[in-house]
Amino acid sequence: MLKRPLGQTGLELPVLSFGASSLGQEFRKVDINEALKSVPTALECGLNFIDTSPFYGRGMSEVLLGVALRGIPRDSYILGTKLGRYSGKHFDFSARRVAESVDISLERMGVEYVDIMLCHDLEFVEMSQIVEETLPALREQQRLGKVKFVGVSGYPMKMFRYVLDRAPLDVVLSYNHYTLQNTMFGDLIPYLKEKRVGIMNAAPFSARLLTNDPLPPWHKATPLVRETAQKASKFCQDQGVDIAQLALQFSIANPDITTCVTGSANPARIRQWAEWAQKPLDTQLLTDVQKILAPIHNWYYTEGRPENNDPPV
């Protein structure tokens, strides 16, 4: 698996990384044994950066990771988790909760440190708290050696500029914003490089929108978005290609984005993704599909507080 440097951290991540949200049953009910096998399978395939959160499965993802990682040498994988979001409506970015959350995550996963700790979905709270309280508390955890690098993750593009204009970060993680359908995160890259921050992407399939699988019930895609994506999927199918393959290959092709995180509790699916990552990108098919998706290019939705979001399209 090709690797790229992550900003100024000194870390090198695989272009395709393992997202453990699937272990928390965020998309479907999973078979525990199959889910546990997905972790060593990902590592065998070269996806040795693992991303999770206490939000995923309300702790289930971190707990299962702790089981799956037993006996696996700590220096053979890079581990990232998050803090601040603990359920659909429960957010706590206080300094006290930062310290508690770090310790609980370490205990759940059976490790002494995490490589990357992100503030999770800060668009749901007053973002000034992140700059003034959460990040200083997180830097203290970094000083104690429990966390190697610090960053933020979330959906709106606006919040990355808000934080980076006021506080230094080691890394950022965006999701659903560098895909076949939405490339807004790519537009932010010059600014992020100027800030010397590590750049990570997630969700190349836009929560199944760019696959042949049914969308999860919570997906916010409008009827037009769903219909257009289905047209693109059918076109790929007629060419003998799964749109998910094209989506994954596109999202890992940008050399300025260190890695793309995606997850599954199905070991066979992970192996398939690793194979797709090695295949050349069909540039003609990409051009044709982007034309089909043009009517919904850069469509996005509101997430969190309205004032933390970009202006509506």
Protein backbone atom coordinates (compact mmCIF):
# COMPACT_ATOMS: atom_id res chain seq x y z
CA MET A 1 0.00 0.00 0.00
CA LEU A 2 1.40 3.38 -1.05
CA LYS A 3 2.13 5.71 1.89
CA ARG A 4 2.31 9.49 2.16
CA PRO A 5 3.68 11.82 4.85
CA LEU A 6 1.13 13.43 7.18
CA GLY A 7 1.93 17.13 7.37
CA GLN A 8 4.71 17.89 9.86
CA THR A 9 3.95 14.93 12.15
CA GLY A 10 6.63 12.59 10.84
CA LEU A 11 3.96 9.91 10.40
CA GLU A 12 3.46 8.12 7.11
CA LEU A 13 -0.05 6.84 6.50
CA PRO A 14 -1.30 4.44 3.84
CA VAL A 15 -3.33 6.15 1.12
CA LEU A 16 -6.23 3.94 2.23
CA SER A 17 -6.94 3.61 5.95
CA PHE A 18 -9.31 1.55 8.07
CA GLY A 19 -12.34 3.28 9.57
CA ALA A 20 -13.67 1.42 12.60
CA SER A 21 -17.10 3.11 12.69
CA SER A 22 -18.42 -0.08 11.12
CA LEU A 23 -17.44 -1.97 14.30
CA GLY A 24 -19.89 0.28 16.11
CA GLN A 25 -22.73 -0.82 13.81
CA GLU A 26 -23.16 2.66 12.35
CA PHE A 27 -24.33 1.26 9.00
CA ARG A 28 -25.73 -2.18 9.80
CA LYS A 29 -25.86 -4.83 12.50
CA VAL A 30 -22.60 -6.73 12.38
CA ASP A 31 -21.44 -10.23 13.18
CA ILE A 32 -19.02 -9.85 16.09
CA ASN A 33 -16.60 -12.54 14.88
CA GLU A 34 -16.57 -11.09 11.38
CA ALA A 35 -16.06 -7.59 12.77
CA LEU A 36 -13.11 -8.74 14.87
CA LYS A 37 -11.51 -10.40 11.83
CA SER A 38 -11.81 -7.16 9.84
CA VAL A 39 -9.08 -5.49 11.92
CA PRO A 40 -6.22 -7.96 11.28
CA THR A 41 -7.42 -8.23 7.68
CA ALA A 42 -7.05 -4.47 7.27
CA LEU A 43 -3.55 -4.61 8.73
CA GLU A 44 -2.59 -7.51 6.45
CA CYS A 45 -3.77 -5.47 3.46
CA GLY A 46 -1.63 -2.49 4.46
CA LEU A 47 -4.39 -0.33 5.97
CA ASN A 48 -2.35 0.21 9.12
CA PHE A 49 -3.92 3.51 10.19
CA ILE A 50 -7.07 2.83 12.21
CA ASP A 51 -9.58 5.62 12.88
CA THR A 52 -12.33 5.36 15.48
CA SER A 53 -14.33 7.37 18.04
CA PRO A 54 -16.19 6.80 21.31
CA PHE A 55 -19.25 7.98 19.37
CA TYR A 56 -19.19 4.93 17.07
CA GLY A 57 -21.52 2.43 18.68
CA ARG A 58 -21.40 4.59 21.83
CA GLY A 59 -18.12 2.93 22.82
CA MET A 60 -18.62 -0.36 21.00
CA SER A 61 -16.09 0.42 18.27
CA GLU A 62 -13.29 1.21 20.73
CA VAL A 63 -14.11 -1.84 22.88
CA LEU A 64 -14.07 -4.23 19.91
CA LEU A 65 -10.85 -2.65 18.65
CA GLY A 66 -9.31 -3.34 22.04
CA VAL A 67 -10.22 -7.00 21.65
CA ALA A 68 -9.10 -7.20 18.01
CA LEU A 69 -5.75 -5.53 18.70
CA ARG A 70 -4.72 -7.87 21.53
CA GLY A 71 -1.38 -9.47 20.78
CA ILE A 72 -0.73 -7.22 17.77
CA PRO A 73 2.51 -5.24 18.23
CA ARG A 74 1.72 -1.58 18.97
CA ASP A 75 4.36 -0.35 16.54
CA SER A 76 2.69 -2.19 13.65
CA TYR A 77 -0.28 0.19 13.46
CA ILE A 78 -1.12 3.87 13.80
CA LEU A 79 -4.19 4.58 15.92
CA GLY A 80 -6.51 7.56 15.97
CA THR A 81 -9.64 8.27 17.95
CA LYS A 82 -11.74 11.28 18.87
CA LEU A 83 -13.46 13.05 21.73
CA GLY A 84 -16.29 15.49 22.35
CA ARG A 85 -19.17 13.61 20.72
CA TYR A 86 -20.62 10.70 22.64
CA SER A 87 -24.10 10.18 21.17
CA GLY A 88 -26.42 11.78 18.66
CA LYS A 89 -27.18 14.63 21.05
CA HIS A 90 -24.51 14.40 23.75
CA PHE A 91 -21.48 16.65 23.26
CA ASP A 92 -18.94 17.63 25.90
CA PHE A 93 -15.78 19.49 24.91
CA SER A 94 -14.93 20.67 28.43
CA ALA A 95 -11.35 20.41 29.68
CA ARG A 96 -12.40 17.92 32.36
CA ARG A 97 -14.08 15.66 29.82
CA VAL A 98 -11.01 15.85 27.55
CA ALA A 99 -8.85 14.22 30.23
CA GLU A 100 -11.52 11.65 31.09
CA SER A 101 -12.20 10.80 27.45
CA VAL A 102 -8.54 10.25 26.63
CA ASP A 103 -8.09 7.89 29.59
CA ILE A 104 -11.29 5.95 28.86
CA SER A 105 -10.38 5.51 25.18
CA LEU A 106 -6.91 4.25 26.08
CA GLU A 107 -8.42 1.78 28.56
CA ARG A 108 -11.03 0.52 26.10
CA MET A 109 -8.46 -0.09 23.37
CA GLY A 110 -5.76 -1.44 25.67
CA VAL A 111 -3.05 0.99 24.58
CA GLU A 112 -0.84 3.50 26.37
CA TYR A 113 -1.19 6.25 23.77
CA VAL A 114 -2.99 7.16 20.57
CA ASP A 115 -1.18 8.65 17.62
CA ILE A 116 -3.97 11.07 16.67
CA MET A 117 -6.75 12.56 18.79
CA LEU A 118 -9.41 14.63 17.05
CA CYS A 119 -12.15 16.90 18.35
CA HIS A 120 -15.20 15.17 16.87
CA ASP A 121 -17.94 17.11 15.04
CA LEU A 122 -17.30 20.46 16.67
CA GLU A 123 -19.89 22.10 14.40
CA PHE A 124 -22.51 21.05 16.97
CA VAL A 125 -21.17 23.38 19.67
CA GLU A 126 -19.91 26.91 20.12
CA MET A 127 -16.59 26.68 18.28
CA SER A 128 -14.87 29.28 20.45
CA GLN A 129 -14.89 26.66 23.22
CA ILE A 130 -12.78 24.37 21.03
CA VAL A 131 -10.10 27.03 20.62
CA GLU A 132 -10.17 28.42 24.15
CA GLU A 133 -10.73 25.29 26.26
CA THR A 134 -10.69 21.98 24.38
CA LEU A 135 -7.48 22.31 22.39
CA PRO A 136 -5.39 23.64 25.33
CA ALA A 137 -6.61 20.67 27.41
CA LEU A 138 -5.78 18.32 24.55
CA ARG A 139 -2.29 19.81 24.25
CA GLU A 140 -1.80 18.97 27.93
CA GLN A 141 -2.64 15.33 27.14
CA GLN A 142 -0.08 15.56 24.35
CA ARG A 143 2.51 16.84 26.83
CA LEU A 144 1.75 13.85 29.07
CA GLY A 145 2.46 11.48 26.17
CA LYS A 146 -1.04 10.04 25.97
CA VAL A 147 -1.70 11.69 22.62
CA LYS A 148 0.92 12.21 19.91
CA PHE A 149 -0.90 14.61 17.56
CA VAL A 150 -3.97 16.81 17.84
CA GLY A 151 -6.60 17.90 15.34
CA VAL A 152 -10.27 18.39 14.50
CA SER A 153 -12.82 16.59 12.36
CA GLY A 154 -16.25 17.48 11.12
CA TYR A 155 -18.49 18.13 8.15
CA PRO A 156 -18.68 21.87 7.32
CA MET A 157 -15.67 23.37 5.58
CA LYS A 158 -16.15 26.60 7.51
CA MET A 159 -15.02 25.18 10.83
CA PHE A 160 -11.53 24.24 9.58
CA ARG A 161 -10.77 27.88 8.76
CA TYR A 162 -12.32 29.07 12.00
CA VAL A 163 -10.06 26.91 14.15
CA LEU A 164 -6.86 27.19 12.10
CA ASP A 165 -7.13 30.97 11.99
CA ARG A 166 -7.04 30.93 15.81
CA ALA A 167 -5.01 27.90 16.89
CA PRO A 168 -2.35 25.61 15.41
CA LEU A 169 -3.33 22.03 14.61
CA ASP A 170 -1.30 18.98 13.67
CA VAL A 171 -3.98 17.33 11.51
CA VAL A 172 -7.50 17.72 10.15
CA LEU A 173 -10.00 15.10 8.99
CA SER A 174 -12.85 15.87 6.60
CA TYR A 175 -15.55 13.47 5.41
CA ASN A 176 -17.92 13.39 2.41
CA HIS A 177 -16.12 16.42 0.93
CA TYR A 178 -13.60 14.78 -1.37
CA THR A 179 -15.57 12.33 -3.46
CA LEU A 180 -16.76 11.90 -7.03
CA GLN A 181 -19.72 14.10 -6.11
CA ASN A 182 -18.18 16.71 -3.80
CA THR A 183 -14.64 18.12 -4.02
CA MET A 184 -14.95 21.10 -1.67
CA PHE A 185 -12.19 19.76 0.58
CA GLY A 186 -9.84 19.84 -2.39
CA ASP A 187 -10.49 23.57 -2.74
CA LEU A 188 -9.28 24.03 0.84
CA ILE A 189 -5.93 22.30 0.28
CA PRO A 190 -3.86 25.43 -0.54
CA TYR A 191 -5.00 27.00 2.74
CA LEU A 192 -4.28 23.81 4.69
CA LYS A 193 -0.81 23.49 3.18
CA GLU A 194 -0.12 27.10 4.10
CA LYS A 195 -1.03 26.18 7.70
CA ARG A 196 1.33 23.15 7.48
CA VAL A 197 -1.36 20.82 8.74
CA GLY A 198 -1.71 17.12 7.96
CA ILE A 199 -4.62 16.49 5.57
CA MET A 200 -6.89 13.43 5.95
CA ASN A 201 -10.05 12.56 4.08
CA ALA A 202 -12.79 10.05 4.92
CA ALA A 203 -15.88 8.49 3.38
CA PRO A 204 -15.03 8.11 -0.34
CA PHE A 205 -18.46 6.53 -0.87
CA SER A 206 -20.34 9.42 0.78
CA ALA A 207 -22.10 7.08 3.22
CA ARG A 208 -23.01 4.60 0.45
CA LEU A 209 -24.30 7.25 -1.97
CA LEU A 210 -21.56 6.23 -4.42
CA THR A 211 -22.11 2.49 -4.14
CA ASN A 212 -24.74 -0.04 -5.15
CA ASP A 213 -25.72 -0.62 -1.52
CA PRO A 214 -28.90 0.83 0.04
CA LEU A 215 -28.45 4.14 1.81
CA PRO A 216 -28.64 4.14 5.61
CA PRO A 217 -31.95 5.55 6.90
CA TRP A 218 -30.26 8.66 8.30
CA HIS A 219 -28.76 9.72 4.94
CA LYS A 220 -29.69 13.32 4.01
CA ALA A 221 -29.45 13.02 0.23
CA THR A 222 -32.33 14.71 -1.60
CA PRO A 223 -34.36 12.89 -4.28
CA LEU A 224 -32.36 14.63 -7.03
CA VAL A 225 -29.05 13.62 -5.41
CA ARG A 226 -30.18 10.00 -5.05
CA GLU A 227 -31.53 9.82 -8.60
CA THR A 228 -28.38 11.35 -10.13
CA ALA A 229 -26.09 9.07 -8.15
CA GLN A 230 -28.11 6.06 -9.31
CA LYS A 231 -27.66 7.19 -12.94
CA ALA A 232 -23.91 7.35 -12.41
CA SER A 233 -23.93 3.93 -10.78
CA LYS A 234 -25.92 2.43 -13.67
CA PHE A 235 -23.51 3.96 -16.20
CA CYS A 236 -20.54 2.39 -14.41
CA GLN A 237 -22.35 -0.93 -14.23
CA ASP A 238 -22.92 -0.80 -18.01
CA GLN A 239 -19.15 -0.35 -18.41
CA GLY A 240 -18.51 -3.38 -16.22
CA VAL A 241 -17.21 -1.36 -13.27
CA ASP A 242 -18.59 -0.92 -9.76
CA ILE A 243 -19.01 2.81 -9.07
CA ALA A 244 -17.55 2.15 -5.62
CA GLN A 245 -14.25 1.19 -7.26
CA LEU A 246 -14.11 4.45 -9.18
CA ALA A 247 -15.10 6.41 -6.06
CA LEU A 248 -12.36 4.85 -3.96
CA GLN A 249 -9.70 5.28 -6.64
CA PHE A 250 -10.63 8.93 -7.13
CA SER A 251 -10.48 9.73 -3.44
CA ILE A 252 -6.98 8.29 -2.96
CA ALA A 253 -5.53 9.77 -6.18
CA ASN A 254 -4.87 13.30 -4.89
CA PRO A 255 -1.21 13.41 -3.72
CA ASP A 256 -1.93 16.36 -1.40
CA ILE A 257 -4.35 14.29 0.68
CA THR A 258 -2.39 11.86 2.83
CA THR A 259 -5.03 9.21 3.34
CA CYS A 260 -8.66 8.33 2.80
CA VAL A 261 -10.44 6.51 5.62
CA THR A 262 -13.17 3.98 4.92
CA GLY A 263 -14.43 1.07 6.94
CA SER A 264 -16.24 -2.22 6.87
CA ALA A 265 -16.86 -5.08 9.27
CA ASN A 266 -16.61 -7.44 6.27
CA PRO A 267 -13.06 -8.79 5.73
CA ALA A 268 -13.79 -9.70 2.09
CA ARG A 269 -14.86 -6.12 1.37
CA ILE A 270 -11.64 -4.79 2.88
CA ARG A 271 -9.56 -7.08 0.68
CA GLN A 272 -11.54 -5.90 -2.34
CA TRP A 273 -10.83 -2.26 -1.49
CA ALA A 274 -7.12 -3.00 -1.14
CA GLU A 275 -7.16 -4.60 -4.60
CA TRP A 276 -9.00 -1.62 -6.09
CA ALA A 277 -6.42 0.72 -4.58
CA GLN A 278 -3.70 -1.02 -6.61
CA LYS A 279 -5.52 -0.75 -9.95
CA PRO A 280 -5.05 2.21 -12.33
CA LEU A 281 -7.77 4.86 -12.40
CA ASP A 282 -9.84 4.84 -15.61
CA THR A 283 -9.63 8.53 -16.48
CA GLN A 284 -12.18 8.33 -19.33
CA LEU A 285 -14.73 6.65 -17.08
CA LEU A 286 -14.00 9.28 -14.42
CA THR A 287 -14.69 12.09 -16.90
CA ASP A 288 -17.93 10.49 -18.04
CA VAL A 289 -19.18 9.89 -14.50
CA GLN A 290 -18.32 13.41 -13.36
CA LYS A 291 -20.41 14.75 -16.25
CA ILE A 292 -23.37 12.70 -15.03
CA LEU A 293 -22.86 13.96 -11.49
CA ALA A 294 -22.40 17.59 -12.59
CA PRO A 295 -25.97 18.65 -11.61
CA ILE A 296 -25.24 17.72 -8.00
CA HIS A 297 -21.55 18.62 -7.87
CA ASN A 298 -20.64 20.01 -4.44
CA TRP A 299 -24.13 19.51 -3.08
CA TYR A 300 -23.95 19.35 0.71
CA TYR A 301 -26.24 19.55 3.70
CA THR A 302 -26.34 21.39 7.01
CA GLU A 303 -24.78 19.62 9.99
CA GLY A 304 -24.72 21.00 13.51
CA ARG A 305 -25.42 24.64 14.31
CA PRO A 306 -26.48 26.72 11.31
CA GLU A 307 -23.94 29.44 12.14
CA ASN A 308 -21.12 26.88 11.93
CA ASN A 309 -22.04 25.90 8.39
CA ASP A 310 -21.13 27.29 5.00
CA PRO A 311 -23.79 29.33 3.15
CA PRO A 312 -26.44 27.11 1.50
CA VAL A 313 -26.03 26.24 -2.17
